[in-house]
Amino acid sequence: MSSTGKSSNIFQENVDVVDSGEVAKVSSMSVPSSKKPNAMVDHTYTDYAIISEEDDVKMLEEESPKLPKPCSEKEAEVREKLKGMSCTYGPMRKNAGGVTQPFPGKLMEVLNRSDLAEIIEWMPHGRAFLVKQPKTFASQVLPRFFKQSKYLSFTRQLNLWGFKRITRGKDTGAYYHEIFLRGRPHLAMRMKRQKIKGTG
């Protein structure tokens, strides 16, 4: 993350990542695209973890005047980005589609279950997760929590919700989304599902 507070590509080999004011290492995530030779997948990342959960809830409830002053220019910039994102599900918004809990909420619930840690779990830094046993995940976890049984359908949902797959480095095979962080369910409420072409 640059000292100016602007977004930066933190997923380069051995680049430091700010994690609630502390610095942590995250592995490489840049990958050549199969569509264009020598093209790289954009992993520009805004560190939303610098906003406290309490401040995030106040922003969702539109109580921004009650927020303390930002500690830094970077925090002020991140707050502005969050203000521009609306809550797409959860207790702050009624869902007219009849879905009781959208995909990101279910996924966070699954990741927070210690009894499933041998199958799927958060990476140690809490910014990505890994399905460690895809076959077991498809046969036991998907039908129980996601009402489906095909791993391909699960990965399609990940793509529709904007998750990206890490293909190099220590976190190879893991998935991440910049506002899907361990212990931050209110951030995930701002995630939006991409519309499928041809469905209206």
N, C-alpha and C. Protein backbone atom coordinates (compact mmCIF):
# COMPACT_ATOMS: atom_id res chain seq x y z
N MET A 1 0.86 -1.17 0.00
CA MET A 1 0.00 0.00 0.00
C MET A 1 0.90 1.22 0.00
N SER A 2 0.65 2.15 -0.84
CA SER A 2 1.51 3.32 -0.92
C SER A 2 1.25 4.25 0.23
N SER A 3 2.23 5.08 0.54
CA SER A 3 2.09 6.00 1.66
C SER A 3 1.09 7.11 1.35
N THR A 4 0.73 7.27 0.10
CA THR A 4 -0.26 8.29 -0.27
C THR A 4 -1.68 7.83 -0.03
N GLY A 5 -1.86 6.57 0.31
CA GLY A 5 -3.20 6.05 0.57
C GLY A 5 -3.90 5.53 -0.65
N LYS A 6 -3.25 5.52 -1.80
CA LYS A 6 -3.90 5.04 -3.02
C LYS A 6 -3.84 3.53 -3.07
N SER A 7 -4.73 2.95 -3.85
CA SER A 7 -4.73 1.51 -4.05
C SER A 7 -3.42 1.10 -4.66
N SER A 8 -2.98 -0.09 -4.32
CA SER A 8 -1.75 -0.60 -4.92
C SER A 8 -1.88 -2.10 -5.11
N ASN A 9 -0.99 -2.65 -5.90
CA ASN A 9 -0.99 -4.09 -6.13
C ASN A 9 -0.18 -4.73 -5.03
N ILE A 10 -0.84 -5.23 -3.99
CA ILE A 10 -0.12 -5.81 -2.85
C ILE A 10 0.22 -7.26 -3.07
N PHE A 11 -0.30 -7.87 -4.11
CA PHE A 11 -0.10 -9.29 -4.32
C PHE A 11 1.04 -9.54 -5.30
N GLN A 12 2.15 -8.91 -5.07
CA GLN A 12 3.36 -9.19 -5.82
C GLN A 12 4.27 -9.97 -4.90
N GLU A 13 5.25 -10.65 -5.45
CA GLU A 13 6.13 -11.49 -4.65
C GLU A 13 6.74 -10.70 -3.49
N ASN A 14 6.54 -11.18 -2.27
CA ASN A 14 7.13 -10.63 -1.06
C ASN A 14 6.82 -9.16 -0.81
N VAL A 15 5.62 -8.72 -1.14
CA VAL A 15 5.21 -7.35 -0.89
C VAL A 15 4.48 -7.32 0.44
N ASP A 16 4.71 -6.26 1.22
CA ASP A 16 4.06 -6.14 2.52
C ASP A 16 2.61 -5.72 2.36
N VAL A 17 1.76 -6.20 3.27
CA VAL A 17 0.34 -5.87 3.28
C VAL A 17 0.00 -5.30 4.64
N VAL A 18 -0.74 -4.20 4.68
CA VAL A 18 -1.14 -3.63 5.95
C VAL A 18 -2.34 -4.42 6.44
N ASP A 19 -2.28 -4.90 7.68
CA ASP A 19 -3.37 -5.67 8.27
C ASP A 19 -3.71 -5.03 9.61
N SER A 20 -4.73 -4.18 9.64
CA SER A 20 -5.16 -3.45 10.82
C SER A 20 -4.00 -2.69 11.45
N GLY A 21 -3.23 -2.01 10.64
CA GLY A 21 -2.13 -1.23 11.14
C GLY A 21 -0.82 -1.99 11.22
N GLU A 22 -0.86 -3.28 11.15
CA GLU A 22 0.35 -4.09 11.21
C GLU A 22 0.72 -4.52 9.80
N VAL A 23 1.95 -4.96 9.63
CA VAL A 23 2.41 -5.39 8.31
C VAL A 23 2.50 -6.90 8.28
N ALA A 24 1.96 -7.52 7.23
CA ALA A 24 2.01 -8.97 7.06
C ALA A 24 2.45 -9.28 5.65
N LYS A 25 3.03 -10.45 5.43
CA LYS A 25 3.47 -10.85 4.10
C LYS A 25 2.35 -11.60 3.39
N VAL A 26 2.17 -11.33 2.12
CA VAL A 26 1.21 -12.06 1.28
C VAL A 26 1.96 -12.47 0.03
N SER A 27 1.64 -13.65 -0.48
CA SER A 27 2.38 -14.18 -1.61
C SER A 27 1.90 -13.63 -2.95
N SER A 28 2.60 -14.02 -4.00
CA SER A 28 2.35 -13.54 -5.35
C SER A 28 0.98 -13.96 -5.86
N MET A 29 0.32 -13.05 -6.58
CA MET A 29 -0.98 -13.38 -7.14
C MET A 29 -1.08 -12.97 -8.61
N SER A 30 -0.05 -12.39 -9.18
CA SER A 30 -0.11 -11.99 -10.58
C SER A 30 0.05 -13.21 -11.46
N VAL A 31 -0.82 -13.35 -12.45
CA VAL A 31 -0.78 -14.51 -13.32
C VAL A 31 -0.91 -14.11 -14.77
N PRO A 32 -0.19 -14.78 -15.64
CA PRO A 32 -0.39 -14.50 -17.06
C PRO A 32 -1.78 -14.94 -17.49
N SER A 33 -2.44 -14.14 -18.29
CA SER A 33 -3.76 -14.48 -18.81
C SER A 33 -3.60 -15.41 -20.00
N SER A 34 -4.49 -16.39 -20.12
CA SER A 34 -4.42 -17.31 -21.25
C SER A 34 -4.94 -16.65 -22.54
N LYS A 35 -5.67 -15.53 -22.40
CA LYS A 35 -6.24 -14.88 -23.56
C LYS A 35 -5.22 -13.98 -24.28
N LYS A 36 -4.36 -13.31 -23.50
CA LYS A 36 -3.38 -12.41 -24.09
C LYS A 36 -1.99 -12.84 -23.64
N PRO A 37 -1.08 -13.01 -24.57
CA PRO A 37 0.26 -13.40 -24.16
C PRO A 37 0.91 -12.29 -23.32
N ASN A 38 1.58 -12.71 -22.26
CA ASN A 38 2.30 -11.82 -21.35
C ASN A 38 1.40 -10.82 -20.62
N ALA A 39 0.09 -10.99 -20.64
CA ALA A 39 -0.81 -10.11 -19.89
C ALA A 39 -0.89 -10.61 -18.45
N MET A 40 -1.10 -9.69 -17.53
CA MET A 40 -1.20 -10.05 -16.13
C MET A 40 -2.60 -9.75 -15.61
N VAL A 41 -3.07 -10.57 -14.69
CA VAL A 41 -4.36 -10.33 -14.05
C VAL A 41 -4.18 -9.17 -13.08
N ASP A 42 -5.07 -8.21 -13.10
CA ASP A 42 -4.98 -7.05 -12.21
C ASP A 42 -5.40 -7.45 -10.80
N HIS A 43 -4.50 -7.31 -9.87
CA HIS A 43 -4.79 -7.59 -8.47
C HIS A 43 -4.63 -6.33 -7.64
N THR A 44 -5.08 -5.19 -8.17
CA THR A 44 -5.05 -3.96 -7.41
C THR A 44 -5.97 -4.14 -6.21
N TYR A 45 -5.53 -3.74 -5.05
CA TYR A 45 -6.20 -4.09 -3.81
C TYR A 45 -6.28 -2.88 -2.89
N THR A 46 -7.46 -2.57 -2.40
CA THR A 46 -7.64 -1.54 -1.40
C THR A 46 -7.75 -2.23 -0.05
N ASP A 47 -7.02 -1.74 0.95
CA ASP A 47 -7.02 -2.38 2.26
C ASP A 47 -8.19 -1.87 3.11
N TYR A 48 -9.34 -2.54 2.99
CA TYR A 48 -10.53 -2.15 3.74
C TYR A 48 -10.45 -2.53 5.21
N ALA A 49 -9.47 -3.34 5.58
CA ALA A 49 -9.32 -3.78 6.97
C ALA A 49 -8.92 -2.63 7.90
N ILE A 50 -8.49 -1.49 7.34
CA ILE A 50 -8.09 -0.38 8.22
C ILE A 50 -9.31 0.31 8.84
N ILE A 51 -10.50 0.05 8.31
CA ILE A 51 -11.73 0.58 8.90
C ILE A 51 -12.20 -0.43 9.95
N SER A 52 -12.45 0.03 11.16
CA SER A 52 -12.88 -0.89 12.22
C SER A 52 -14.27 -1.43 11.92
N GLU A 53 -14.58 -2.59 12.47
CA GLU A 53 -15.90 -3.20 12.28
C GLU A 53 -16.99 -2.26 12.80
N GLU A 54 -16.73 -1.62 13.93
CA GLU A 54 -17.70 -0.70 14.53
C GLU A 54 -17.99 0.49 13.60
N ASP A 55 -16.93 1.07 13.02
CA ASP A 55 -17.11 2.18 12.09
C ASP A 55 -17.82 1.72 10.82
N ASP A 56 -17.52 0.51 10.38
CA ASP A 56 -18.16 -0.04 9.18
C ASP A 56 -19.67 -0.19 9.40
N VAL A 57 -20.07 -0.68 10.57
CA VAL A 57 -21.49 -0.84 10.88
C VAL A 57 -22.17 0.53 10.90
N LYS A 58 -21.52 1.52 11.49
CA LYS A 58 -22.10 2.87 11.51
C LYS A 58 -22.30 3.40 10.09
N MET A 59 -21.34 3.11 9.22
CA MET A 59 -21.47 3.57 7.83
C MET A 59 -22.62 2.86 7.13
N LEU A 60 -22.81 1.56 7.40
CA LEU A 60 -23.93 0.82 6.80
C LEU A 60 -25.26 1.36 7.29
N GLU A 61 -25.31 1.76 8.55
CA GLU A 61 -26.54 2.28 9.13
C GLU A 61 -26.70 3.78 8.86
N GLU A 62 -25.82 4.30 8.00
CA GLU A 62 -25.85 5.71 7.61
C GLU A 62 -25.72 6.64 8.81
N GLU A 63 -24.84 6.28 9.74
CA GLU A 63 -24.56 7.10 10.91
C GLU A 63 -23.16 7.71 10.79
N SER A 64 -22.76 8.07 9.57
CA SER A 64 -21.43 8.62 9.33
C SER A 64 -21.10 9.84 10.19
N PRO A 65 -22.09 10.73 10.49
CA PRO A 65 -21.74 11.87 11.35
C PRO A 65 -21.23 11.45 12.74
N LYS A 66 -21.59 10.25 13.19
CA LYS A 66 -21.17 9.78 14.51
C LYS A 66 -19.77 9.17 14.51
N LEU A 67 -19.16 9.05 13.32
CA LEU A 67 -17.84 8.45 13.21
C LEU A 67 -16.77 9.41 13.73
N PRO A 68 -15.73 8.86 14.39
CA PRO A 68 -14.61 9.71 14.76
C PRO A 68 -13.86 10.14 13.51
N LYS A 69 -13.04 11.19 13.64
CA LYS A 69 -12.26 11.65 12.49
C LYS A 69 -11.33 10.54 12.03
N PRO A 70 -11.11 10.43 10.73
CA PRO A 70 -10.16 9.42 10.24
C PRO A 70 -8.77 9.67 10.80
N CYS A 71 -8.05 8.59 11.08
CA CYS A 71 -6.70 8.69 11.64
C CYS A 71 -5.68 9.12 10.60
N SER A 72 -5.98 8.89 9.33
CA SER A 72 -5.02 9.20 8.28
C SER A 72 -5.77 9.54 6.99
N GLU A 73 -5.01 10.07 6.06
CA GLU A 73 -5.57 10.37 4.74
C GLU A 73 -6.02 9.08 4.05
N LYS A 74 -5.25 8.01 4.27
CA LYS A 74 -5.57 6.71 3.67
C LYS A 74 -6.91 6.20 4.21
N GLU A 75 -7.14 6.32 5.52
CA GLU A 75 -8.41 5.88 6.10
C GLU A 75 -9.57 6.71 5.56
N ALA A 76 -9.37 8.01 5.39
CA ALA A 76 -10.42 8.87 4.84
C ALA A 76 -10.77 8.44 3.42
N GLU A 77 -9.76 8.08 2.64
CA GLU A 77 -9.97 7.64 1.26
C GLU A 77 -10.76 6.32 1.22
N VAL A 78 -10.40 5.39 2.11
CA VAL A 78 -11.09 4.10 2.16
C VAL A 78 -12.55 4.29 2.60
N ARG A 79 -12.78 5.19 3.57
CA ARG A 79 -14.15 5.49 3.99
C ARG A 79 -14.98 6.00 2.82
N GLU A 80 -14.40 6.87 2.02
CA GLU A 80 -15.12 7.41 0.86
C GLU A 80 -15.50 6.30 -0.12
N LYS A 81 -14.59 5.36 -0.35
CA LYS A 81 -14.89 4.24 -1.23
C LYS A 81 -16.03 3.41 -0.66
N LEU A 82 -16.01 3.16 0.66
CA LEU A 82 -17.08 2.37 1.29
C LEU A 82 -18.42 3.09 1.22
N LYS A 83 -18.42 4.40 1.36
CA LYS A 83 -19.67 5.16 1.28
C LYS A 83 -20.32 4.98 -0.09
N GLY A 84 -19.50 4.80 -1.11
CA GLY A 84 -20.02 4.62 -2.46
C GLY A 84 -20.58 3.22 -2.72
N MET A 85 -20.39 2.30 -1.78
CA MET A 85 -20.88 0.93 -1.94
C MET A 85 -22.14 0.76 -1.10
N SER A 86 -23.18 0.24 -1.70
CA SER A 86 -24.40 0.01 -0.95
C SER A 86 -24.42 -1.41 -0.40
N CYS A 87 -25.18 -1.58 0.65
CA CYS A 87 -25.36 -2.91 1.24
C CYS A 87 -26.29 -3.71 0.32
N THR A 88 -25.84 -4.89 -0.10
CA THR A 88 -26.65 -5.67 -1.05
C THR A 88 -27.42 -6.80 -0.38
N TYR A 89 -27.09 -7.12 0.86
CA TYR A 89 -27.84 -8.14 1.60
C TYR A 89 -27.57 -7.97 3.08
N GLY A 90 -28.28 -8.73 3.88
CA GLY A 90 -28.04 -8.72 5.32
C GLY A 90 -29.12 -7.99 6.08
N PRO A 91 -28.90 -7.80 7.39
CA PRO A 91 -29.93 -7.18 8.23
C PRO A 91 -30.21 -5.72 7.89
N MET A 92 -29.28 -5.08 7.17
CA MET A 92 -29.48 -3.68 6.84
C MET A 92 -30.41 -3.51 5.63
N ARG A 93 -30.66 -4.58 4.91
CA ARG A 93 -31.47 -4.48 3.69
C ARG A 93 -32.36 -5.72 3.58
N LYS A 94 -33.61 -5.52 3.24
CA LYS A 94 -34.51 -6.65 3.03
C LYS A 94 -34.30 -7.20 1.63
N ASN A 95 -34.20 -8.50 1.53
CA ASN A 95 -33.96 -9.13 0.24
C ASN A 95 -35.30 -9.54 -0.37
N ALA A 96 -35.62 -8.95 -1.50
CA ALA A 96 -36.90 -9.23 -2.15
C ALA A 96 -36.87 -10.51 -2.97
N GLY A 97 -35.68 -11.05 -3.21
CA GLY A 97 -35.56 -12.22 -4.06
C GLY A 97 -35.91 -13.53 -3.37
N GLY A 98 -36.12 -13.51 -2.08
CA GLY A 98 -36.49 -14.71 -1.36
C GLY A 98 -35.30 -15.53 -0.87
N VAL A 99 -34.07 -15.12 -1.22
CA VAL A 99 -32.89 -15.83 -0.75
C VAL A 99 -32.65 -15.41 0.69
N THR A 100 -32.61 -16.39 1.60
CA THR A 100 -32.46 -16.05 3.01
C THR A 100 -31.06 -15.54 3.33
N GLN A 101 -30.04 -16.13 2.73
CA GLN A 101 -28.68 -15.67 2.95
C GLN A 101 -27.89 -15.85 1.65
N PRO A 102 -27.47 -14.76 1.02
CA PRO A 102 -26.73 -14.89 -0.24
C PRO A 102 -25.40 -15.62 -0.07
N PHE A 103 -24.82 -15.96 -1.19
CA PHE A 103 -23.61 -16.76 -1.26
C PHE A 103 -22.48 -16.29 -0.34
N PRO A 104 -22.09 -14.99 -0.34
CA PRO A 104 -20.98 -14.60 0.54
C PRO A 104 -21.25 -14.85 2.02
N GLY A 105 -22.49 -14.64 2.44
CA GLY A 105 -22.85 -14.89 3.84
C GLY A 105 -22.75 -16.37 4.20
N LYS A 106 -23.23 -17.22 3.31
CA LYS A 106 -23.13 -18.67 3.54
C LYS A 106 -21.68 -19.11 3.57
N LEU A 107 -20.89 -18.57 2.63
CA LEU A 107 -19.48 -18.93 2.57
C LEU A 107 -18.75 -18.51 3.84
N MET A 108 -19.04 -17.32 4.34
CA MET A 108 -18.40 -16.87 5.58
C MET A 108 -18.81 -17.76 6.75
N GLU A 109 -20.07 -18.17 6.77
CA GLU A 109 -20.55 -19.07 7.82
C GLU A 109 -19.78 -20.40 7.77
N VAL A 110 -19.60 -20.95 6.58
CA VAL A 110 -18.87 -22.21 6.41
C VAL A 110 -17.42 -22.04 6.85
N LEU A 111 -16.79 -20.95 6.46
CA LEU A 111 -15.38 -20.71 6.81
C LEU A 111 -15.18 -20.50 8.30
N ASN A 112 -16.20 -20.05 9.00
CA ASN A 112 -16.09 -19.82 10.43
C ASN A 112 -16.36 -21.07 11.27
N ARG A 113 -16.69 -22.17 10.63
CA ARG A 113 -16.95 -23.43 11.35
C ARG A 113 -15.65 -24.21 11.52
N SER A 114 -15.27 -24.44 12.75
CA SER A 114 -14.03 -25.17 13.03
C SER A 114 -14.12 -26.64 12.64
N ASP A 115 -15.35 -27.20 12.60
CA ASP A 115 -15.50 -28.61 12.24
C ASP A 115 -15.25 -28.86 10.74
N LEU A 116 -15.15 -27.80 9.94
CA LEU A 116 -14.91 -27.96 8.50
C LEU A 116 -13.49 -27.52 8.10
N ALA A 117 -12.65 -27.20 9.08
CA ALA A 117 -11.30 -26.67 8.81
C ALA A 117 -10.41 -27.63 8.03
N GLU A 118 -10.68 -28.92 8.09
CA GLU A 118 -9.88 -29.88 7.32
C GLU A 118 -10.28 -29.88 5.84
N ILE A 119 -11.45 -29.31 5.55
CA ILE A 119 -11.99 -29.31 4.19
C ILE A 119 -11.82 -27.94 3.53
N ILE A 120 -12.16 -26.88 4.25
CA ILE A 120 -12.07 -25.51 3.76
C ILE A 120 -11.72 -24.61 4.93
N GLU A 121 -10.78 -23.68 4.69
CA GLU A 121 -10.44 -22.76 5.78
C GLU A 121 -9.80 -21.48 5.27
N TRP A 122 -9.81 -20.47 6.16
CA TRP A 122 -9.15 -19.21 5.88
C TRP A 122 -7.66 -19.42 5.81
N MET A 123 -6.98 -18.64 5.00
CA MET A 123 -5.52 -18.60 5.02
C MET A 123 -5.13 -17.87 6.31
N PRO A 124 -3.92 -18.08 6.81
CA PRO A 124 -3.53 -17.47 8.10
C PRO A 124 -3.71 -15.95 8.17
N HIS A 125 -3.54 -15.23 7.05
CA HIS A 125 -3.68 -13.78 7.05
C HIS A 125 -5.14 -13.33 7.01
N GLY A 126 -6.09 -14.23 6.76
CA GLY A 126 -7.51 -13.89 6.79
C GLY A 126 -8.02 -13.11 5.59
N ARG A 127 -7.25 -13.05 4.50
CA ARG A 127 -7.66 -12.30 3.32
C ARG A 127 -8.02 -13.21 2.15
N ALA A 128 -7.89 -14.51 2.34
CA ALA A 128 -8.20 -15.49 1.29
C ALA A 128 -8.57 -16.80 1.99
N PHE A 129 -9.19 -17.72 1.22
CA PHE A 129 -9.54 -19.03 1.77
C PHE A 129 -9.16 -20.10 0.77
N LEU A 130 -9.03 -21.32 1.26
CA LEU A 130 -8.61 -22.44 0.43
C LEU A 130 -9.53 -23.63 0.66
N VAL A 131 -10.01 -24.23 -0.42
CA VAL A 131 -10.73 -25.49 -0.34
C VAL A 131 -9.67 -26.58 -0.39
N LYS A 132 -9.41 -27.22 0.75
CA LYS A 132 -8.31 -28.18 0.85
C LYS A 132 -8.67 -29.55 0.30
N GLN A 133 -9.94 -29.91 0.36
CA GLN A 133 -10.40 -31.21 -0.13
C GLN A 133 -11.63 -30.99 -1.03
N PRO A 134 -11.41 -30.65 -2.30
CA PRO A 134 -12.54 -30.34 -3.19
C PRO A 134 -13.58 -31.44 -3.31
N LYS A 135 -13.16 -32.71 -3.37
CA LYS A 135 -14.14 -33.80 -3.52
C LYS A 135 -15.01 -33.93 -2.27
N THR A 136 -14.40 -33.87 -1.10
CA THR A 136 -15.17 -33.94 0.15
C THR A 136 -16.05 -32.71 0.28
N PHE A 137 -15.52 -31.55 -0.11
CA PHE A 137 -16.29 -30.31 -0.07
C PHE A 137 -17.55 -30.44 -0.93
N ALA A 138 -17.38 -30.99 -2.15
CA ALA A 138 -18.51 -31.14 -3.08
C ALA A 138 -19.54 -32.14 -2.57
N SER A 139 -19.09 -33.22 -1.94
CA SER A 139 -20.03 -34.26 -1.52
C SER A 139 -20.68 -33.99 -0.16
N GLN A 140 -19.99 -33.28 0.74
CA GLN A 140 -20.52 -33.08 2.09
C GLN A 140 -20.94 -31.65 2.41
N VAL A 141 -20.14 -30.66 1.99
CA VAL A 141 -20.42 -29.28 2.38
C VAL A 141 -21.39 -28.59 1.42
N LEU A 142 -21.17 -28.74 0.12
CA LEU A 142 -22.04 -28.05 -0.85
C LEU A 142 -23.51 -28.41 -0.69
N PRO A 143 -23.89 -29.70 -0.62
CA PRO A 143 -25.32 -30.01 -0.49
C PRO A 143 -25.92 -29.48 0.82
N ARG A 144 -25.13 -29.47 1.86
CA ARG A 144 -25.61 -29.06 3.19
C ARG A 144 -25.80 -27.55 3.31
N PHE A 145 -24.88 -26.77 2.76
CA PHE A 145 -24.92 -25.32 2.95
C PHE A 145 -25.32 -24.53 1.71
N PHE A 146 -25.04 -25.06 0.53
CA PHE A 146 -25.27 -24.31 -0.70
C PHE A 146 -26.33 -24.91 -1.61
N LYS A 147 -26.93 -26.00 -1.23
CA LYS A 147 -28.00 -26.66 -2.00
C LYS A 147 -27.54 -27.00 -3.42
N GLN A 148 -26.30 -27.44 -3.55
CA GLN A 148 -25.77 -27.90 -4.82
C GLN A 148 -24.73 -28.97 -4.55
N SER A 149 -24.30 -29.69 -5.57
CA SER A 149 -23.35 -30.77 -5.34
C SER A 149 -22.18 -30.77 -6.33
N LYS A 150 -22.10 -29.76 -7.19
CA LYS A 150 -21.02 -29.71 -8.17
C LYS A 150 -20.03 -28.61 -7.79
N TYR A 151 -18.77 -29.00 -7.71
CA TYR A 151 -17.71 -28.05 -7.37
C TYR A 151 -17.62 -26.95 -8.43
N LEU A 152 -17.86 -27.30 -9.68
CA LEU A 152 -17.82 -26.33 -10.77
C LEU A 152 -18.87 -25.22 -10.55
N SER A 153 -20.04 -25.60 -10.03
CA SER A 153 -21.09 -24.60 -9.74
C SER A 153 -20.63 -23.65 -8.64
N PHE A 154 -19.92 -24.20 -7.66
CA PHE A 154 -19.38 -23.38 -6.58
C PHE A 154 -18.36 -22.37 -7.11
N THR A 155 -17.44 -22.83 -7.97
CA THR A 155 -16.43 -21.92 -8.51
C THR A 155 -17.08 -20.87 -9.43
N ARG A 156 -18.16 -21.24 -10.10
CA ARG A 156 -18.88 -20.27 -10.92
C ARG A 156 -19.48 -19.18 -10.04
N GLN A 157 -20.04 -19.57 -8.89
CA GLN A 157 -20.58 -18.58 -7.95
C GLN A 157 -19.46 -17.66 -7.45
N LEU A 158 -18.30 -18.24 -7.15
CA LEU A 158 -17.17 -17.42 -6.72
C LEU A 158 -16.85 -16.36 -7.78
N ASN A 159 -16.81 -16.78 -9.03
CA ASN A 159 -16.52 -15.85 -10.12
C ASN A 159 -17.60 -14.78 -10.27
N LEU A 160 -18.86 -15.19 -10.16
CA LEU A 160 -19.97 -14.23 -10.28
C LEU A 160 -19.96 -13.20 -9.16
N TRP A 161 -19.44 -13.58 -7.98
CA TRP A 161 -19.38 -12.66 -6.84
C TRP A 161 -18.05 -11.89 -6.80
N GLY A 162 -17.21 -12.07 -7.82
CA GLY A 162 -16.00 -11.26 -7.93
C GLY A 162 -14.76 -11.79 -7.23
N PHE A 163 -14.79 -13.05 -6.80
CA PHE A 163 -13.59 -13.64 -6.19
C PHE A 163 -12.55 -13.90 -7.27
N LYS A 164 -11.28 -13.80 -6.91
CA LYS A 164 -10.19 -14.12 -7.82
C LYS A 164 -9.38 -15.26 -7.23
N ARG A 165 -8.85 -16.12 -8.09
CA ARG A 165 -8.07 -17.29 -7.67
C ARG A 165 -6.59 -16.95 -7.71
N ILE A 166 -5.88 -17.34 -6.68
CA ILE A 166 -4.44 -17.12 -6.61
C ILE A 166 -3.76 -18.32 -7.28
N THR A 167 -2.88 -18.05 -8.22
CA THR A 167 -2.28 -19.15 -8.99
C THR A 167 -0.79 -19.32 -8.77
N ARG A 168 -0.17 -18.43 -7.99
CA ARG A 168 1.25 -18.58 -7.71
C ARG A 168 1.56 -18.17 -6.28
N GLY A 169 2.66 -18.71 -5.74
CA GLY A 169 3.09 -18.31 -4.40
C GLY A 169 2.55 -19.23 -3.33
N LYS A 170 2.71 -18.81 -2.09
CA LYS A 170 2.31 -19.62 -0.92
C LYS A 170 0.82 -19.91 -0.88
N ASP A 171 0.01 -19.00 -1.39
CA ASP A 171 -1.45 -19.12 -1.32
C ASP A 171 -2.06 -19.72 -2.59
N THR A 172 -1.27 -20.44 -3.37
CA THR A 172 -1.75 -21.02 -4.62
C THR A 172 -3.03 -21.83 -4.39
N GLY A 173 -4.02 -21.58 -5.23
CA GLY A 173 -5.30 -22.31 -5.15
C GLY A 173 -6.34 -21.63 -4.28
N ALA A 174 -5.93 -20.64 -3.50
CA ALA A 174 -6.87 -19.93 -2.63
C ALA A 174 -7.64 -18.89 -3.45
N TYR A 175 -8.77 -18.43 -2.90
CA TYR A 175 -9.60 -17.40 -3.52
C TYR A 175 -9.65 -16.19 -2.59
N TYR A 176 -9.76 -15.00 -3.17
CA TYR A 176 -9.88 -13.79 -2.36
C TYR A 176 -10.81 -12.78 -3.03
N HIS A 177 -11.32 -11.88 -2.22
CA HIS A 177 -12.08 -10.71 -2.67
C HIS A 177 -11.69 -9.62 -1.68
N GLU A 178 -11.45 -8.40 -2.16
CA GLU A 178 -10.91 -7.38 -1.27
C GLU A 178 -11.84 -6.99 -0.12
N ILE A 179 -13.13 -7.23 -0.21
CA ILE A 179 -14.01 -6.93 0.93
C ILE A 179 -14.56 -8.21 1.57
N PHE A 180 -13.96 -9.34 1.31
CA PHE A 180 -14.33 -10.60 1.97
C PHE A 180 -13.16 -10.98 2.87
N LEU A 181 -13.23 -10.53 4.14
CA LEU A 181 -12.14 -10.72 5.09
C LEU A 181 -12.63 -11.46 6.33
N ARG A 182 -11.75 -12.28 6.89
CA ARG A 182 -12.11 -13.03 8.10
C ARG A 182 -12.53 -12.06 9.21
N GLY A 183 -13.66 -12.37 9.85
CA GLY A 183 -14.16 -11.57 10.96
C GLY A 183 -14.80 -10.24 10.58
N ARG A 184 -15.06 -10.02 9.29
CA ARG A 184 -15.63 -8.75 8.83
C ARG A 184 -16.89 -8.99 7.99
N PRO A 185 -17.95 -9.57 8.58
CA PRO A 185 -19.16 -9.87 7.80
C PRO A 185 -19.85 -8.63 7.24
N HIS A 186 -19.73 -7.48 7.91
CA HIS A 186 -20.40 -6.29 7.41
C HIS A 186 -19.75 -5.76 6.14
N LEU A 187 -18.46 -5.95 5.99
CA LEU A 187 -17.81 -5.58 4.73
C LEU A 187 -18.36 -6.42 3.59
N ALA A 188 -18.50 -7.72 3.84
CA ALA A 188 -18.98 -8.65 2.80
C ALA A 188 -20.40 -8.32 2.35
N MET A 189 -21.18 -7.63 3.17
CA MET A 189 -22.55 -7.27 2.79
C MET A 189 -22.58 -6.30 1.62
N ARG A 190 -21.44 -5.71 1.30
CA ARG A 190 -21.37 -4.78 0.18
C ARG A 190 -21.02 -5.48 -1.14
N MET A 191 -20.77 -6.77 -1.09
CA MET A 191 -20.41 -7.51 -2.31
C MET A 191 -21.62 -7.58 -3.24
N LYS A 192 -21.34 -7.51 -4.53
CA LYS A 192 -22.42 -7.57 -5.53
C LYS A 192 -22.16 -8.71 -6.49
N ARG A 193 -23.23 -9.39 -6.83
CA ARG A 193 -23.16 -10.49 -7.80
C ARG A 193 -23.26 -9.89 -9.19
N GLN A 194 -22.38 -10.34 -10.08
CA GLN A 194 -22.44 -9.86 -11.46
C GLN A 194 -23.69 -10.41 -12.13
N LYS A 195 -24.27 -9.61 -12.99
CA LYS A 195 -25.44 -10.07 -13.74
C LYS A 195 -24.99 -10.98 -14.85
N ILE A 196 -25.76 -12.02 -15.09
CA ILE A 196 -25.46 -12.96 -16.16
C ILE A 196 -26.08 -12.45 -17.45
N LYS A 197 -25.27 -12.38 -18.49
CA LYS A 197 -25.75 -11.86 -19.77
C LYS A 197 -26.91 -12.72 -20.29
N GLY A 198 -27.94 -12.04 -20.80
CA GLY A 198 -29.08 -12.74 -21.38
C GLY A 198 -30.17 -13.09 -20.40
N THR A 199 -30.01 -12.70 -19.10
CA THR A 199 -31.05 -13.01 -18.13
C THR A 199 -31.85 -11.79 -17.72
N GLY A 200 -31.66 -10.69 -18.40
CA GLY A 200 -32.46 -9.51 -18.13
C GLY A 200 -31.75 -8.54 -17.36
